[in-house]
Each structure stands twice: as C-alpha cells, then as structure tokens.
Amino acid sequence: MRTVQATEKTVSIWFSQEDAPPRRQVLRLVRSALEERGLAPWPETEAECFAAGGDTLVIARPAAHSLGFYFEDLESLLAGALACPDGESDLYAVPEGYILTVAGDMAVSALYELGASRRISPDWAVHAVEQGRCLIAHDAVETLRRYFSS
C-alpha cells in the first residue's frame, strides 16, 4: 500500500508492506504526485529514504538550486561578483582560488565569462564549511560590494 502526501515544497511517499522502487522510479512518482495535485514539477529533487521492517518512507523536496563559479584570483572574482544582484550567495576559499555560489536566478553572464562554472552539491558546501573554507556565508555578493565597490 502507498500513501502519498504532496505540497509545493515536500512530497512524502510511504510504502507499507512493499519494497520501495529504485531511485529513478521514486523520482517519477514524486513528479507524478506533484502533477496530480496541479503543482509544478521541480527542476531538481533531493530525496531521503528511511526503511524499517516492511515499510519505507521517502521524503522529497526541491533541490537547493545554487550555481558555483571558480575564480583563480581576487580580481576576476570581484569583477564577476560585482556584476550580480544582491541575494543568497556564499564565498569559499579553495586551493588556487575561490568559489562563489549564487542562487540560480543571480547567475549573470559575467560569472560565466570570468569564472568557470562548477556544480556544487549541498554535501560539498557542508564539507567546505566544516573545513573552515567558507569566507562569507549567505550574502557574499552584497558583502563584497560593500567592501570593494567605489
């Protein structure tokens, strides 16, 4: 038996006394649950699966959509970042440079021209914070503008 709950921010599917299907099928079920309720499917999905006894619970949500851009030096980082609007953004120090992450709607052409785009997973960001690599959290573009814009 399956029990499905869906909102625009969360889908939960409880498989009772049946095996959960493979990940690919679970993602299709999540998409179908959203569509059946007249909700827009998410561009990307994060899902967690919890199993106990003969039951499995899947909790899915839209994936955090942030883009990462690698910059070799401070000059190119500033040129790209200062072209962006203010918004959710983080700055990380990495060997040989910097990574600036921005919300998907903040990605202006200057970031692509001056930096190298990188796919940043939420796990990478958590690891970078744990390693002390996060220089500015949440408002990196705004903070850089405050200190470096004339």
C-alpha atoms as a PDB file:
ATOM      1  CA  MET A   1       0.000   0.000   0.000  1.00  0.00           C
ATOM      2  CA  ARG A   2       1.207   3.529  -0.789  1.00  0.00           C
ATOM      3  CA  THR A   3       0.291   6.739   0.940  1.00  0.00           C
ATOM      4  CA  VAL A   4       1.272   9.949  -0.842  1.00  0.00           C
ATOM      5  CA  GLN A   5       1.249  13.497   0.504  1.00  0.00           C
ATOM      6  CA  ALA A   6       2.334  16.400  -1.718  1.00  0.00           C
ATOM      7  CA  THR A   7       2.714  20.145  -1.325  1.00  0.00           C
ATOM      8  CA  GLU A   8       4.708  22.579  -3.411  1.00  0.00           C
ATOM      9  CA  LYS A   9       7.705  22.119  -1.073  1.00  0.00           C
ATOM     10  CA  THR A  10       7.512  18.488   0.039  1.00  0.00           C
ATOM     11  CA  VAL A  11       6.382  15.092  -1.195  1.00  0.00           C
ATOM     12  CA  SER A  12       6.260  12.105   1.116  1.00  0.00           C
ATOM     13  CA  ILE A  13       5.536   8.569  -0.013  1.00  0.00           C
ATOM     14  CA  TRP A  14       5.041   5.765   2.481  1.00  0.00           C
ATOM     15  CA  PHE A  15       5.414   2.257   1.098  1.00  0.00           C
ATOM     16  CA  SER A  16       3.750  -0.111   3.553  1.00  0.00           C
ATOM     17  CA  GLN A  17       4.499  -3.813   3.266  1.00  0.00           C
ATOM     18  CA  GLU A  18       6.081  -3.411  -0.184  1.00  0.00           C
ATOM     19  CA  ASP A  19       9.573  -2.743  -1.413  1.00  0.00           C
ATOM     20  CA  ALA A  20      10.354   0.797  -2.472  1.00  0.00           C
ATOM     21  CA  PRO A  21      11.106   1.035  -6.181  1.00  0.00           C
ATOM     22  CA  PRO A  22      14.550   2.064  -7.458  1.00  0.00           C
ATOM     23  CA  ARG A  23      15.534   5.728  -7.145  1.00  0.00           C
ATOM     24  CA  ARG A  24      14.672   6.566 -10.745  1.00  0.00           C
ATOM     25  CA  GLN A  25      11.108   5.316 -10.287  1.00  0.00           C
ATOM     26  CA  VAL A  26      10.785   7.133  -6.965  1.00  0.00           C
ATOM     27  CA  LEU A  27      11.648  10.398  -8.718  1.00  0.00           C
ATOM     28  CA  ARG A  28       8.951   9.658 -11.328  1.00  0.00           C
ATOM     29  CA  LEU A  29       6.454   9.020  -8.531  1.00  0.00           C
ATOM     30  CA  VAL A  30       7.379  12.348  -6.917  1.00  0.00           C
ATOM     31  CA  ARG A  31       6.879  14.155 -10.220  1.00  0.00           C
ATOM     32  CA  SER A  32       3.522  12.402 -10.763  1.00  0.00           C
ATOM     33  CA  ALA A  33       2.362  13.288  -7.236  1.00  0.00           C
ATOM     34  CA  LEU A  34       3.078  16.957  -7.892  1.00  0.00           C
ATOM     35  CA  GLU A  35       1.383  16.934 -11.296  1.00  0.00           C
ATOM     36  CA  GLU A  36      -1.717  15.114  -9.974  1.00  0.00           C
ATOM     37  CA  ARG A  37      -2.216  17.914  -7.466  1.00  0.00           C
ATOM     38  CA  GLY A  38      -1.733  20.627 -10.100  1.00  0.00           C
ATOM     39  CA  LEU A  39       1.701  21.609  -8.770  1.00  0.00           C
ATOM     40  CA  ALA A  40       4.687  22.385 -10.960  1.00  0.00           C
ATOM     41  CA  PRO A  41       7.353  19.647 -11.029  1.00  0.00           C
ATOM     42  CA  TRP A  42      10.686  20.650  -9.542  1.00  0.00           C
ATOM     43  CA  PRO A  43      13.709  21.103 -11.829  1.00  0.00           C
ATOM     44  CA  GLU A  44      15.804  19.015  -9.425  1.00  0.00           C
ATOM     45  CA  THR A  45      14.834  16.850  -6.475  1.00  0.00           C
ATOM     46  CA  GLU A  46      16.521  15.835  -3.227  1.00  0.00           C
ATOM     47  CA  ALA A  47      15.120  12.700  -1.612  1.00  0.00           C
ATOM     48  CA  GLU A  48      15.786  10.772   1.573  1.00  0.00           C
ATOM     49  CA  CYS A  49      14.674   7.218   2.153  1.00  0.00           C
ATOM     50  CA  PHE A  50      14.026   5.627   5.552  1.00  0.00           C
ATOM     51  CA  ALA A  51      13.346   1.890   5.848  1.00  0.00           C
ATOM     52  CA  ALA A  52      12.201  -0.093   8.873  1.00  0.00           C
ATOM     53  CA  GLY A  53      10.691  -3.532   8.869  1.00  0.00           C
ATOM     54  CA  GLY A  54       8.485  -3.827   5.809  1.00  0.00           C
ATOM     55  CA  ASP A  55       7.888  -0.092   5.479  1.00  0.00           C
ATOM     56  CA  THR A  56       9.776   2.600   3.624  1.00  0.00           C
ATOM     57  CA  LEU A  57       9.277   6.355   3.847  1.00  0.00           C
ATOM     58  CA  VAL A  58      10.539   8.632   1.092  1.00  0.00           C
ATOM     59  CA  ILE A  59      10.705  12.372   1.759  1.00  0.00           C
ATOM     60  CA  ALA A  60      11.449  14.531  -1.271  1.00  0.00           C
ATOM     61  CA  ARG A  61      11.878  18.273  -1.703  1.00  0.00           C
ATOM     62  CA  PRO A  62      13.131  20.645  -4.363  1.00  0.00           C
ATOM     63  CA  ALA A  63      16.909  20.609  -4.545  1.00  0.00           C
ATOM     64  CA  ALA A  64      18.603  23.762  -3.413  1.00  0.00           C
ATOM     65  CA  HIS A  65      19.441  25.423  -6.679  1.00  0.00           C
ATOM     66  CA  SER A  66      22.737  27.222  -6.440  1.00  0.00           C
ATOM     67  CA  LEU A  67      25.446  27.540  -9.017  1.00  0.00           C
ATOM     68  CA  GLY A  68      29.145  27.634  -8.279  1.00  0.00           C
ATOM     69  CA  PHE A  69      31.830  29.565 -10.119  1.00  0.00           C
ATOM     70  CA  TYR A  70      35.573  29.055  -9.680  1.00  0.00           C
ATOM     71  CA  PHE A  71      37.856  32.087  -9.888  1.00  0.00           C
ATOM     72  CA  GLU A  72      41.650  31.882  -9.908  1.00  0.00           C
ATOM     73  CA  ASP A  73      42.215  35.344  -8.444  1.00  0.00           C
ATOM     74  CA  LEU A  74      40.538  38.098  -6.447  1.00  0.00           C
ATOM     75  CA  GLU A  75      40.348  40.459  -9.424  1.00  0.00           C
ATOM     76  CA  SER A  76      38.250  38.125 -11.575  1.00  0.00           C
ATOM     77  CA  LEU A  77      36.125  37.150  -8.550  1.00  0.00           C
ATOM     78  CA  LEU A  78      35.306  40.786  -7.837  1.00  0.00           C
ATOM     79  CA  ALA A  79      34.558  41.584 -11.472  1.00  0.00           C
ATOM     80  CA  GLY A  80      32.107  38.682 -11.670  1.00  0.00           C
ATOM     81  CA  ALA A  81      30.536  39.136  -8.237  1.00  0.00           C
ATOM     82  CA  LEU A  82      30.033  42.892  -8.527  1.00  0.00           C
ATOM     83  CA  ALA A  83      28.030  42.357 -11.721  1.00  0.00           C
ATOM     84  CA  CYS A  84      25.492  40.236  -9.777  1.00  0.00           C
ATOM     85  CA  PRO A  85      22.417  41.472  -7.955  1.00  0.00           C
ATOM     86  CA  ASP A  86      22.375  41.055  -4.180  1.00  0.00           C
ATOM     87  CA  GLY A  87      20.934  37.784  -2.940  1.00  0.00           C
ATOM     88  CA  GLU A  88      21.745  34.396  -1.458  1.00  0.00           C
ATOM     89  CA  SER A  89      25.444  33.781  -2.146  1.00  0.00           C
ATOM     90  CA  ASP A  90      28.451  32.224  -0.422  1.00  0.00           C
ATOM     91  CA  LEU A  91      32.199  32.594  -0.933  1.00  0.00           C
ATOM     92  CA  TYR A  92      34.671  29.768  -0.321  1.00  0.00           C
ATOM     93  CA  ALA A  93      38.449  29.594  -0.378  1.00  0.00           C
ATOM     94  CA  VAL A  94      39.753  26.595  -2.310  1.00  0.00           C
ATOM     95  CA  PRO A  95      43.277  25.634  -3.329  1.00  0.00           C
ATOM     96  CA  GLU A  96      44.441  28.047  -6.023  1.00  0.00           C
ATOM     97  CA  GLY A  97      41.398  30.332  -5.866  1.00  0.00           C
ATOM     98  CA  TYR A  98      37.821  30.956  -4.811  1.00  0.00           C
ATOM     99  CA  ILE A  99      34.360  29.512  -5.393  1.00  0.00           C
ATOM    100  CA  LEU A 100      31.358  31.825  -5.365  1.00  0.00           C
ATOM    101  CA  THR A 101      27.934  30.174  -5.154  1.00  0.00           C
ATOM    102  CA  VAL A 102      24.829  32.089  -6.139  1.00  0.00           C
ATOM    103  CA  ALA A 103      21.129  31.327  -6.401  1.00  0.00           C
ATOM    104  CA  GLY A 104      20.198  30.246  -9.921  1.00  0.00           C
ATOM    105  CA  ASP A 105      18.406  33.499 -10.740  1.00  0.00           C
ATOM    106  CA  MET A 106      21.510  35.548  -9.818  1.00  0.00           C
ATOM    107  CA  ALA A 107      23.830  33.959 -12.397  1.00  0.00           C
ATOM    108  CA  VAL A 108      24.732  36.807 -14.746  1.00  0.00           C
ATOM    109  CA  SER A 109      26.885  36.393 -17.856  1.00  0.00           C
ATOM    110  CA  ALA A 110      29.922  37.953 -16.129  1.00  0.00           C
ATOM    111  CA  LEU A 111      30.168  34.917 -13.860  1.00  0.00           C
ATOM    112  CA  TYR A 112      30.358  32.579 -16.854  1.00  0.00           C
ATOM    113  CA  GLU A 113      32.797  34.868 -18.705  1.00  0.00           C
ATOM    114  CA  LEU A 114      35.204  35.429 -15.806  1.00  0.00           C
ATOM    115  CA  GLY A 115      34.811  32.206 -13.851  1.00  0.00           C
ATOM    116  CA  ALA A 116      34.431  28.515 -14.546  1.00  0.00           C
ATOM    117  CA  SER A 117      31.029  27.085 -13.643  1.00  0.00           C
ATOM    118  CA  ARG A 118      31.045  24.212 -11.179  1.00  0.00           C
ATOM    119  CA  ARG A 119      28.244  22.008  -9.958  1.00  0.00           C
ATOM    120  CA  ILE A 120      28.071  22.435  -6.186  1.00  0.00           C
ATOM    121  CA  SER A 121      26.231  19.822  -4.163  1.00  0.00           C
ATOM    122  CA  PRO A 122      24.780  20.622  -0.755  1.00  0.00           C
ATOM    123  CA  ASP A 123      27.147  17.982   0.674  1.00  0.00           C
ATOM    124  CA  TRP A 124      30.178  19.820  -0.736  1.00  0.00           C
ATOM    125  CA  ALA A 125      29.014  23.081   0.831  1.00  0.00           C
ATOM    126  CA  VAL A 126      28.542  21.443   4.247  1.00  0.00           C
ATOM    127  CA  HIS A 127      32.006  19.864   3.993  1.00  0.00           C
ATOM    128  CA  ALA A 128      33.571  23.197   2.977  1.00  0.00           C
ATOM    129  CA  VAL A 129      32.021  24.909   5.996  1.00  0.00           C
ATOM    130  CA  GLU A 130      33.263  22.130   8.293  1.00  0.00           C
ATOM    131  CA  GLN A 131      36.763  22.580   6.860  1.00  0.00           C
ATOM    132  CA  GLY A 132      36.697  26.338   7.517  1.00  0.00           C
ATOM    133  CA  ARG A 133      36.689  27.207   3.812  1.00  0.00           C
ATOM    134  CA  CYS A 134      33.583  29.422   3.888  1.00  0.00           C
ATOM    135  CA  LEU A 135      34.779  33.035   3.888  1.00  0.00           C
ATOM    136  CA  ILE A 136      31.375  34.751   3.600  1.00  0.00           C
ATOM    137  CA  ALA A 137      28.057  32.977   4.161  1.00  0.00           C
ATOM    138  CA  HIS A 138      24.600  33.954   2.870  1.00  0.00           C
ATOM    139  CA  ASP A 139      25.368  37.414   1.434  1.00  0.00           C
ATOM    140  CA  ALA A 140      28.777  37.201  -0.225  1.00  0.00           C
ATOM    141  CA  VAL A 141      27.924  39.412  -3.214  1.00  0.00           C
ATOM    142  CA  GLU A 142      26.470  42.144  -1.012  1.00  0.00           C
ATOM    143  CA  THR A 143      29.436  41.982   1.378  1.00  0.00           C
ATOM    144  CA  LEU A 144      31.979  42.116  -1.465  1.00  0.00           C
ATOM    145  CA  ARG A 145      30.131  45.111  -2.944  1.00  0.00           C
ATOM    146  CA  ARG A 146      30.181  46.868   0.424  1.00  0.00           C
ATOM    147  CA  TYR A 147      33.956  46.473   0.774  1.00  0.00           C
ATOM    148  CA  PHE A 148      35.197  46.706  -2.801  1.00  0.00           C
ATOM    149  CA  SER A 149      32.739  48.876  -4.736  1.00  0.00           C
ATOM    150  CA  SER A 150      33.506  52.545  -5.056  1.00  0.00           C
END
